[in-house]
N, C-alpha and C. Protein backbone atom coordinates (compact mmCIF):
# COMPACT_ATOMS: atom_id res chain seq x y z
N MET A 1 36.64 4.72 10.04
CA MET A 1 35.85 3.52 10.04
C MET A 1 35.10 3.43 8.72
N THR A 2 35.06 2.26 8.14
CA THR A 2 34.38 2.04 6.87
C THR A 2 33.32 0.97 7.04
N PHE A 3 32.14 1.26 6.50
CA PHE A 3 31.07 0.28 6.48
C PHE A 3 30.96 -0.29 5.08
N ASN A 4 30.93 -1.58 4.95
CA ASN A 4 30.65 -2.26 3.68
C ASN A 4 29.40 -3.09 3.90
N ILE A 5 28.28 -2.53 3.49
CA ILE A 5 27.00 -3.18 3.75
C ILE A 5 26.40 -3.63 2.43
N GLY A 6 26.09 -4.90 2.34
CA GLY A 6 25.47 -5.45 1.13
C GLY A 6 23.96 -5.27 1.19
N ASP A 7 23.26 -6.11 0.45
CA ASP A 7 21.80 -6.06 0.45
C ASP A 7 21.24 -6.30 1.84
N GLN A 8 20.25 -5.52 2.17
CA GLN A 8 19.55 -5.69 3.44
C GLN A 8 18.06 -5.69 3.15
N HIS A 9 17.34 -6.60 3.76
CA HIS A 9 15.90 -6.70 3.55
C HIS A 9 15.24 -6.86 4.91
N ALA A 10 14.59 -5.82 5.34
CA ALA A 10 13.89 -5.86 6.63
C ALA A 10 12.94 -4.68 6.71
N GLY A 11 12.07 -4.71 7.68
CA GLY A 11 11.14 -3.60 7.89
C GLY A 11 11.86 -2.35 8.34
N ILE A 12 12.83 -2.51 9.24
CA ILE A 12 13.61 -1.38 9.75
C ILE A 12 15.06 -1.81 9.82
N ILE A 13 15.93 -0.98 9.30
CA ILE A 13 17.37 -1.23 9.37
C ILE A 13 18.03 0.04 9.87
N ASN A 14 18.83 -0.08 10.90
CA ASN A 14 19.57 1.06 11.44
C ASN A 14 21.06 0.76 11.32
N ASN A 15 21.75 1.52 10.50
CA ASN A 15 23.20 1.41 10.38
C ASN A 15 23.77 2.70 10.96
N VAL A 16 24.45 2.59 12.07
CA VAL A 16 24.96 3.78 12.72
C VAL A 16 26.42 3.60 13.07
N ALA A 17 27.12 4.70 13.11
CA ALA A 17 28.48 4.71 13.62
C ALA A 17 28.41 5.50 14.93
N GLY A 18 28.52 4.81 16.04
CA GLY A 18 28.38 5.49 17.33
C GLY A 18 27.16 4.99 18.06
N ASP A 19 26.68 5.83 18.96
CA ASP A 19 25.53 5.44 19.79
C ASP A 19 24.22 5.75 19.08
N GLN A 20 23.26 4.90 19.32
CA GLN A 20 21.90 5.14 18.84
C GLN A 20 20.96 4.92 20.01
N HIS A 21 20.08 5.88 20.20
CA HIS A 21 19.09 5.77 21.28
C HIS A 21 17.70 5.86 20.66
N ASN A 22 16.89 4.86 20.94
CA ASN A 22 15.52 4.82 20.42
C ASN A 22 14.55 4.96 21.59
N ALA A 23 13.67 5.91 21.50
CA ALA A 23 12.63 6.08 22.51
C ALA A 23 11.30 5.67 21.89
N GLY A 24 10.60 4.79 22.54
CA GLY A 24 9.29 4.40 22.03
C GLY A 24 9.32 3.19 21.12
N GLY A 25 10.48 2.64 20.89
CA GLY A 25 10.57 1.43 20.08
C GLY A 25 10.48 1.69 18.59
N GLN A 26 10.66 0.63 17.85
CA GLN A 26 10.58 0.67 16.41
C GLN A 26 9.81 -0.54 15.94
N GLN A 27 9.09 -0.37 14.86
CA GLN A 27 8.40 -1.51 14.29
C GLN A 27 8.35 -1.33 12.79
N GLY A 28 8.22 -2.41 12.11
CA GLY A 28 8.11 -2.38 10.65
C GLY A 28 7.29 -3.56 10.20
N MET A 29 6.84 -3.49 8.96
CA MET A 29 6.05 -4.57 8.40
C MET A 29 6.60 -4.89 7.02
N VAL A 30 6.94 -6.13 6.83
CA VAL A 30 7.43 -6.57 5.52
C VAL A 30 6.32 -7.39 4.87
N VAL A 31 5.91 -6.97 3.69
CA VAL A 31 4.85 -7.65 2.96
C VAL A 31 5.47 -8.28 1.70
N PRO A 32 5.42 -9.60 1.59
CA PRO A 32 5.94 -10.25 0.38
C PRO A 32 5.11 -9.86 -0.84
N VAL A 33 5.72 -9.89 -2.00
CA VAL A 33 5.04 -9.49 -3.23
C VAL A 33 3.81 -10.36 -3.49
N GLN A 34 3.87 -11.64 -3.12
CA GLN A 34 2.72 -12.52 -3.34
C GLN A 34 1.52 -12.06 -2.51
N GLU A 35 1.78 -11.58 -1.30
CA GLU A 35 0.70 -11.07 -0.46
C GLU A 35 0.13 -9.78 -1.04
N ALA A 36 1.00 -8.95 -1.60
CA ALA A 36 0.53 -7.71 -2.25
C ALA A 36 -0.31 -8.03 -3.48
N GLN A 37 0.09 -9.04 -4.24
CA GLN A 37 -0.69 -9.46 -5.41
C GLN A 37 -2.07 -9.99 -4.98
N ARG A 38 -2.10 -10.72 -3.88
CA ARG A 38 -3.38 -11.21 -3.36
C ARG A 38 -4.25 -10.02 -2.92
N ALA A 39 -3.63 -9.00 -2.35
CA ALA A 39 -4.38 -7.81 -1.93
C ALA A 39 -5.01 -7.11 -3.13
N VAL A 40 -4.35 -7.14 -4.28
CA VAL A 40 -4.93 -6.55 -5.50
C VAL A 40 -6.20 -7.32 -5.88
N ARG A 41 -6.15 -8.64 -5.81
CA ARG A 41 -7.34 -9.45 -6.12
C ARG A 41 -8.47 -9.16 -5.12
N GLU A 42 -8.11 -9.06 -3.84
CA GLU A 42 -9.11 -8.77 -2.81
C GLU A 42 -9.72 -7.38 -3.01
N LEU A 43 -8.88 -6.44 -3.42
CA LEU A 43 -9.36 -5.08 -3.67
C LEU A 43 -10.32 -5.08 -4.86
N ARG A 44 -10.03 -5.86 -5.89
CA ARG A 44 -10.93 -5.97 -7.04
C ARG A 44 -12.28 -6.52 -6.59
N ASP A 45 -12.26 -7.56 -5.75
CA ASP A 45 -13.51 -8.11 -5.23
C ASP A 45 -14.26 -7.07 -4.40
N GLY A 46 -13.52 -6.32 -3.59
CA GLY A 46 -14.14 -5.29 -2.76
C GLY A 46 -14.75 -4.17 -3.59
N LEU A 47 -14.08 -3.79 -4.66
CA LEU A 47 -14.62 -2.74 -5.55
C LEU A 47 -15.90 -3.21 -6.24
N THR A 48 -15.94 -4.48 -6.59
CA THR A 48 -17.12 -5.03 -7.26
C THR A 48 -18.36 -4.91 -6.39
N SER A 49 -18.17 -5.05 -5.08
CA SER A 49 -19.32 -4.99 -4.17
C SER A 49 -19.54 -3.59 -3.58
N THR A 50 -18.78 -2.60 -4.05
CA THR A 50 -18.91 -1.23 -3.56
C THR A 50 -19.76 -0.41 -4.52
N THR A 51 -20.67 0.37 -3.97
CA THR A 51 -21.51 1.22 -4.80
C THR A 51 -20.76 2.52 -5.11
N LEU A 52 -20.45 2.70 -6.38
CA LEU A 52 -19.78 3.92 -6.85
C LEU A 52 -20.55 4.45 -8.05
N HIS A 53 -20.49 5.74 -8.26
CA HIS A 53 -21.04 6.36 -9.47
C HIS A 53 -20.33 5.70 -10.66
N ALA A 54 -21.01 5.57 -11.77
CA ALA A 54 -20.48 4.84 -12.94
C ALA A 54 -19.10 5.34 -13.36
N SER A 55 -18.91 6.66 -13.42
CA SER A 55 -17.61 7.18 -13.87
C SER A 55 -16.53 6.90 -12.84
N ALA A 56 -16.87 7.01 -11.56
CA ALA A 56 -15.89 6.72 -10.50
C ALA A 56 -15.53 5.23 -10.50
N ALA A 57 -16.53 4.38 -10.71
CA ALA A 57 -16.28 2.94 -10.76
C ALA A 57 -15.36 2.59 -11.92
N ALA A 58 -15.62 3.20 -13.08
CA ALA A 58 -14.78 2.93 -14.25
C ALA A 58 -13.34 3.38 -14.00
N GLU A 59 -13.19 4.56 -13.40
CA GLU A 59 -11.85 5.06 -13.10
C GLU A 59 -11.15 4.17 -12.07
N ALA A 60 -11.87 3.75 -11.04
CA ALA A 60 -11.29 2.89 -10.01
C ALA A 60 -10.83 1.57 -10.60
N HIS A 61 -11.66 0.97 -11.44
CA HIS A 61 -11.29 -0.31 -12.06
C HIS A 61 -10.11 -0.14 -13.03
N ALA A 62 -10.04 0.99 -13.72
CA ALA A 62 -8.91 1.24 -14.62
C ALA A 62 -7.61 1.38 -13.82
N GLN A 63 -7.67 2.10 -12.71
CA GLN A 63 -6.47 2.26 -11.88
C GLN A 63 -6.05 0.93 -11.27
N LEU A 64 -7.02 0.15 -10.84
CA LEU A 64 -6.70 -1.16 -10.28
C LEU A 64 -6.10 -2.08 -11.33
N ALA A 65 -6.59 -2.01 -12.56
CA ALA A 65 -6.01 -2.82 -13.65
C ALA A 65 -4.56 -2.42 -13.90
N GLU A 66 -4.29 -1.12 -13.82
CA GLU A 66 -2.92 -0.63 -14.00
C GLU A 66 -2.01 -1.15 -12.87
N ILE A 67 -2.52 -1.14 -11.65
CA ILE A 67 -1.76 -1.67 -10.51
C ILE A 67 -1.52 -3.16 -10.70
N ASP A 68 -2.55 -3.89 -11.11
CA ASP A 68 -2.44 -5.33 -11.30
C ASP A 68 -1.38 -5.67 -12.34
N THR A 69 -1.39 -4.94 -13.44
CA THR A 69 -0.38 -5.16 -14.49
C THR A 69 1.02 -4.91 -13.94
N ALA A 70 1.19 -3.82 -13.22
CA ALA A 70 2.51 -3.48 -12.66
C ALA A 70 2.95 -4.50 -11.61
N MET A 71 2.01 -5.04 -10.86
CA MET A 71 2.34 -6.01 -9.81
C MET A 71 2.81 -7.34 -10.37
N HIS A 72 2.46 -7.63 -11.62
CA HIS A 72 2.86 -8.90 -12.21
C HIS A 72 4.12 -8.79 -13.08
N ALA A 73 4.79 -7.66 -13.01
CA ALA A 73 6.09 -7.54 -13.66
C ALA A 73 7.08 -8.44 -12.92
N PRO A 74 8.16 -8.87 -13.58
CA PRO A 74 9.14 -9.71 -12.89
C PRO A 74 9.63 -9.10 -11.57
N LYS A 75 9.79 -7.79 -11.55
CA LYS A 75 10.16 -7.09 -10.32
C LYS A 75 9.27 -5.85 -10.23
N PRO A 76 8.13 -5.95 -9.53
CA PRO A 76 7.20 -4.82 -9.46
C PRO A 76 7.88 -3.54 -8.96
N ASP A 77 7.59 -2.44 -9.64
CA ASP A 77 8.21 -1.14 -9.36
C ASP A 77 7.33 -0.34 -8.41
N ARG A 78 7.74 -0.28 -7.16
CA ARG A 78 6.96 0.43 -6.14
C ARG A 78 6.75 1.90 -6.49
N SER A 79 7.76 2.52 -7.07
CA SER A 79 7.63 3.96 -7.39
C SER A 79 6.63 4.19 -8.53
N ARG A 80 6.37 3.18 -9.32
CA ARG A 80 5.35 3.28 -10.37
C ARG A 80 3.95 3.03 -9.79
N ILE A 81 3.86 2.09 -8.86
CA ILE A 81 2.58 1.69 -8.30
C ILE A 81 2.06 2.69 -7.27
N ALA A 82 2.94 3.29 -6.50
CA ALA A 82 2.53 4.19 -5.40
C ALA A 82 1.60 5.32 -5.84
N PRO A 83 1.92 6.07 -6.89
CA PRO A 83 1.01 7.16 -7.26
C PRO A 83 -0.35 6.68 -7.78
N ILE A 84 -0.36 5.51 -8.39
CA ILE A 84 -1.63 4.96 -8.88
C ILE A 84 -2.50 4.56 -7.70
N LEU A 85 -1.89 3.89 -6.72
CA LEU A 85 -2.63 3.48 -5.53
C LEU A 85 -3.10 4.71 -4.75
N LYS A 86 -2.29 5.74 -4.72
CA LYS A 86 -2.68 6.97 -4.02
C LYS A 86 -3.90 7.59 -4.71
N ARG A 87 -3.89 7.65 -6.05
CA ARG A 87 -5.04 8.20 -6.78
C ARG A 87 -6.29 7.37 -6.55
N LEU A 88 -6.13 6.05 -6.55
CA LEU A 88 -7.27 5.17 -6.30
C LEU A 88 -7.83 5.41 -4.90
N THR A 89 -6.96 5.52 -3.92
CA THR A 89 -7.40 5.75 -2.55
C THR A 89 -8.08 7.11 -2.43
N GLN A 90 -7.53 8.13 -3.07
CA GLN A 90 -8.16 9.45 -3.05
C GLN A 90 -9.55 9.41 -3.68
N LEU A 91 -9.69 8.67 -4.76
CA LEU A 91 -10.98 8.52 -5.42
C LEU A 91 -11.99 7.87 -4.47
N LEU A 92 -11.57 6.82 -3.79
CA LEU A 92 -12.46 6.12 -2.86
C LEU A 92 -12.81 6.98 -1.65
N VAL A 93 -11.86 7.77 -1.18
CA VAL A 93 -12.13 8.69 -0.07
C VAL A 93 -13.14 9.75 -0.51
N ALA A 94 -12.92 10.33 -1.69
CA ALA A 94 -13.81 11.38 -2.19
C ALA A 94 -15.22 10.85 -2.43
N ALA A 95 -15.33 9.60 -2.84
CA ALA A 95 -16.64 9.00 -3.09
C ALA A 95 -17.34 8.58 -1.80
N GLY A 96 -16.61 8.66 -0.69
CA GLY A 96 -17.19 8.26 0.59
C GLY A 96 -17.16 6.77 0.81
N SER A 97 -16.54 6.04 -0.07
CA SER A 97 -16.54 4.57 0.02
C SER A 97 -15.75 4.05 1.21
N LEU A 98 -14.73 4.78 1.64
CA LEU A 98 -13.91 4.28 2.74
C LEU A 98 -14.50 4.63 4.10
N SER A 99 -15.37 5.64 4.13
CA SER A 99 -15.96 6.00 5.42
C SER A 99 -16.94 4.94 5.91
N THR A 100 -17.50 4.17 5.00
CA THR A 100 -18.44 3.11 5.38
C THR A 100 -17.88 1.73 5.07
N ALA A 101 -16.67 1.67 4.58
CA ALA A 101 -16.10 0.38 4.16
C ALA A 101 -15.62 -0.44 5.35
N SER A 102 -15.65 -1.72 5.16
CA SER A 102 -15.07 -2.61 6.14
C SER A 102 -13.70 -3.03 5.60
N THR A 103 -13.25 -4.15 6.04
CA THR A 103 -11.95 -4.63 5.58
C THR A 103 -11.94 -5.00 4.10
N ALA A 104 -13.10 -5.04 3.45
CA ALA A 104 -13.15 -5.39 2.03
C ALA A 104 -12.31 -4.46 1.18
N LEU A 105 -12.26 -3.19 1.53
CA LEU A 105 -11.42 -2.23 0.81
C LEU A 105 -10.22 -1.82 1.64
N ILE A 106 -10.45 -1.54 2.90
CA ILE A 106 -9.39 -0.97 3.74
C ILE A 106 -8.26 -1.97 3.96
N GLY A 107 -8.59 -3.23 4.21
CA GLY A 107 -7.56 -4.24 4.43
C GLY A 107 -6.59 -4.37 3.26
N PRO A 108 -7.10 -4.57 2.03
CA PRO A 108 -6.18 -4.66 0.89
C PRO A 108 -5.40 -3.36 0.64
N LEU A 109 -6.04 -2.21 0.86
CA LEU A 109 -5.31 -0.95 0.69
C LEU A 109 -4.17 -0.84 1.70
N GLN A 110 -4.43 -1.26 2.94
CA GLN A 110 -3.38 -1.24 3.96
C GLN A 110 -2.24 -2.18 3.59
N THR A 111 -2.57 -3.36 3.12
CA THR A 111 -1.54 -4.32 2.73
C THR A 111 -0.67 -3.76 1.61
N LEU A 112 -1.30 -3.19 0.59
CA LEU A 112 -0.54 -2.62 -0.52
C LEU A 112 0.30 -1.43 -0.07
N ALA A 113 -0.27 -0.58 0.77
CA ALA A 113 0.49 0.58 1.26
C ALA A 113 1.68 0.12 2.08
N CYS A 114 1.52 -0.91 2.89
CA CYS A 114 2.64 -1.44 3.67
C CYS A 114 3.69 -2.06 2.76
N TRP A 115 3.25 -2.74 1.70
CA TRP A 115 4.20 -3.30 0.74
C TRP A 115 5.04 -2.20 0.09
N LEU A 116 4.43 -1.03 -0.11
CA LEU A 116 5.14 0.09 -0.72
C LEU A 116 6.20 0.68 0.20
N GLY A 117 6.14 0.38 1.48
CA GLY A 117 7.11 0.93 2.43
C GLY A 117 6.86 2.41 2.64
N THR A 118 7.93 3.20 2.63
CA THR A 118 7.78 4.64 2.88
C THR A 118 6.92 5.32 1.82
N LEU A 119 6.87 4.77 0.61
CA LEU A 119 6.02 5.34 -0.43
C LEU A 119 4.53 5.19 -0.10
N GLY A 120 4.21 4.25 0.76
CA GLY A 120 2.83 4.00 1.13
C GLY A 120 2.33 4.77 2.34
N VAL A 121 3.22 5.46 3.03
CA VAL A 121 2.81 6.19 4.24
C VAL A 121 1.70 7.21 3.97
N PRO A 122 1.78 8.02 2.91
CA PRO A 122 0.67 8.95 2.66
C PRO A 122 -0.67 8.24 2.44
N ILE A 123 -0.63 7.06 1.86
CA ILE A 123 -1.85 6.30 1.63
C ILE A 123 -2.41 5.80 2.96
N LEU A 124 -1.55 5.31 3.83
CA LEU A 124 -2.00 4.84 5.14
C LEU A 124 -2.67 5.96 5.93
N HIS A 125 -2.18 7.19 5.77
CA HIS A 125 -2.76 8.33 6.49
C HIS A 125 -4.16 8.68 5.98
N MET A 126 -4.50 8.26 4.78
CA MET A 126 -5.83 8.54 4.23
C MET A 126 -6.88 7.52 4.69
N LEU A 127 -6.43 6.38 5.19
CA LEU A 127 -7.36 5.30 5.53
C LEU A 127 -7.94 5.48 6.91
N PRO A 128 -9.25 5.22 7.02
CA PRO A 128 -9.86 5.29 8.36
C PRO A 128 -9.38 4.13 9.21
N VAL A 129 -9.35 4.35 10.50
CA VAL A 129 -8.94 3.30 11.42
C VAL A 129 -10.17 2.49 11.77
N LEU A 130 -10.05 1.19 11.59
CA LEU A 130 -11.17 0.30 11.95
C LEU A 130 -11.05 -0.03 13.43
N GLY A 131 -12.14 0.01 14.10
CA GLY A 131 -12.02 -0.34 15.50
C GLY A 131 -13.33 -0.43 16.11
């Protein structure tokens, strides 16, 4: 048996030869690049209203500027953006900014991490659950 599969775009794709059994269901989230770009703007606004030590603030804004530049490439490179977003998230976690943050920071970080797909999973694990 031969599979000839072209481009596929979805949150979850299962290509199997034979039986597949899923327990507990599957879910995925597809974030369009325009929504990810909007999340960068929202994150910038959130950082502006967040109290950070001067050096941490400068580093956070520099990393966000790097993400913003990469996001506006004709085809944003997730593998380039993921480590920068991870460093930014680690900085915010270390500064304690996410422990008291509302959706001003966490929401845009979640959106960007979801846009990254599997590259964003480690970032999602660093974020506190709002509830």
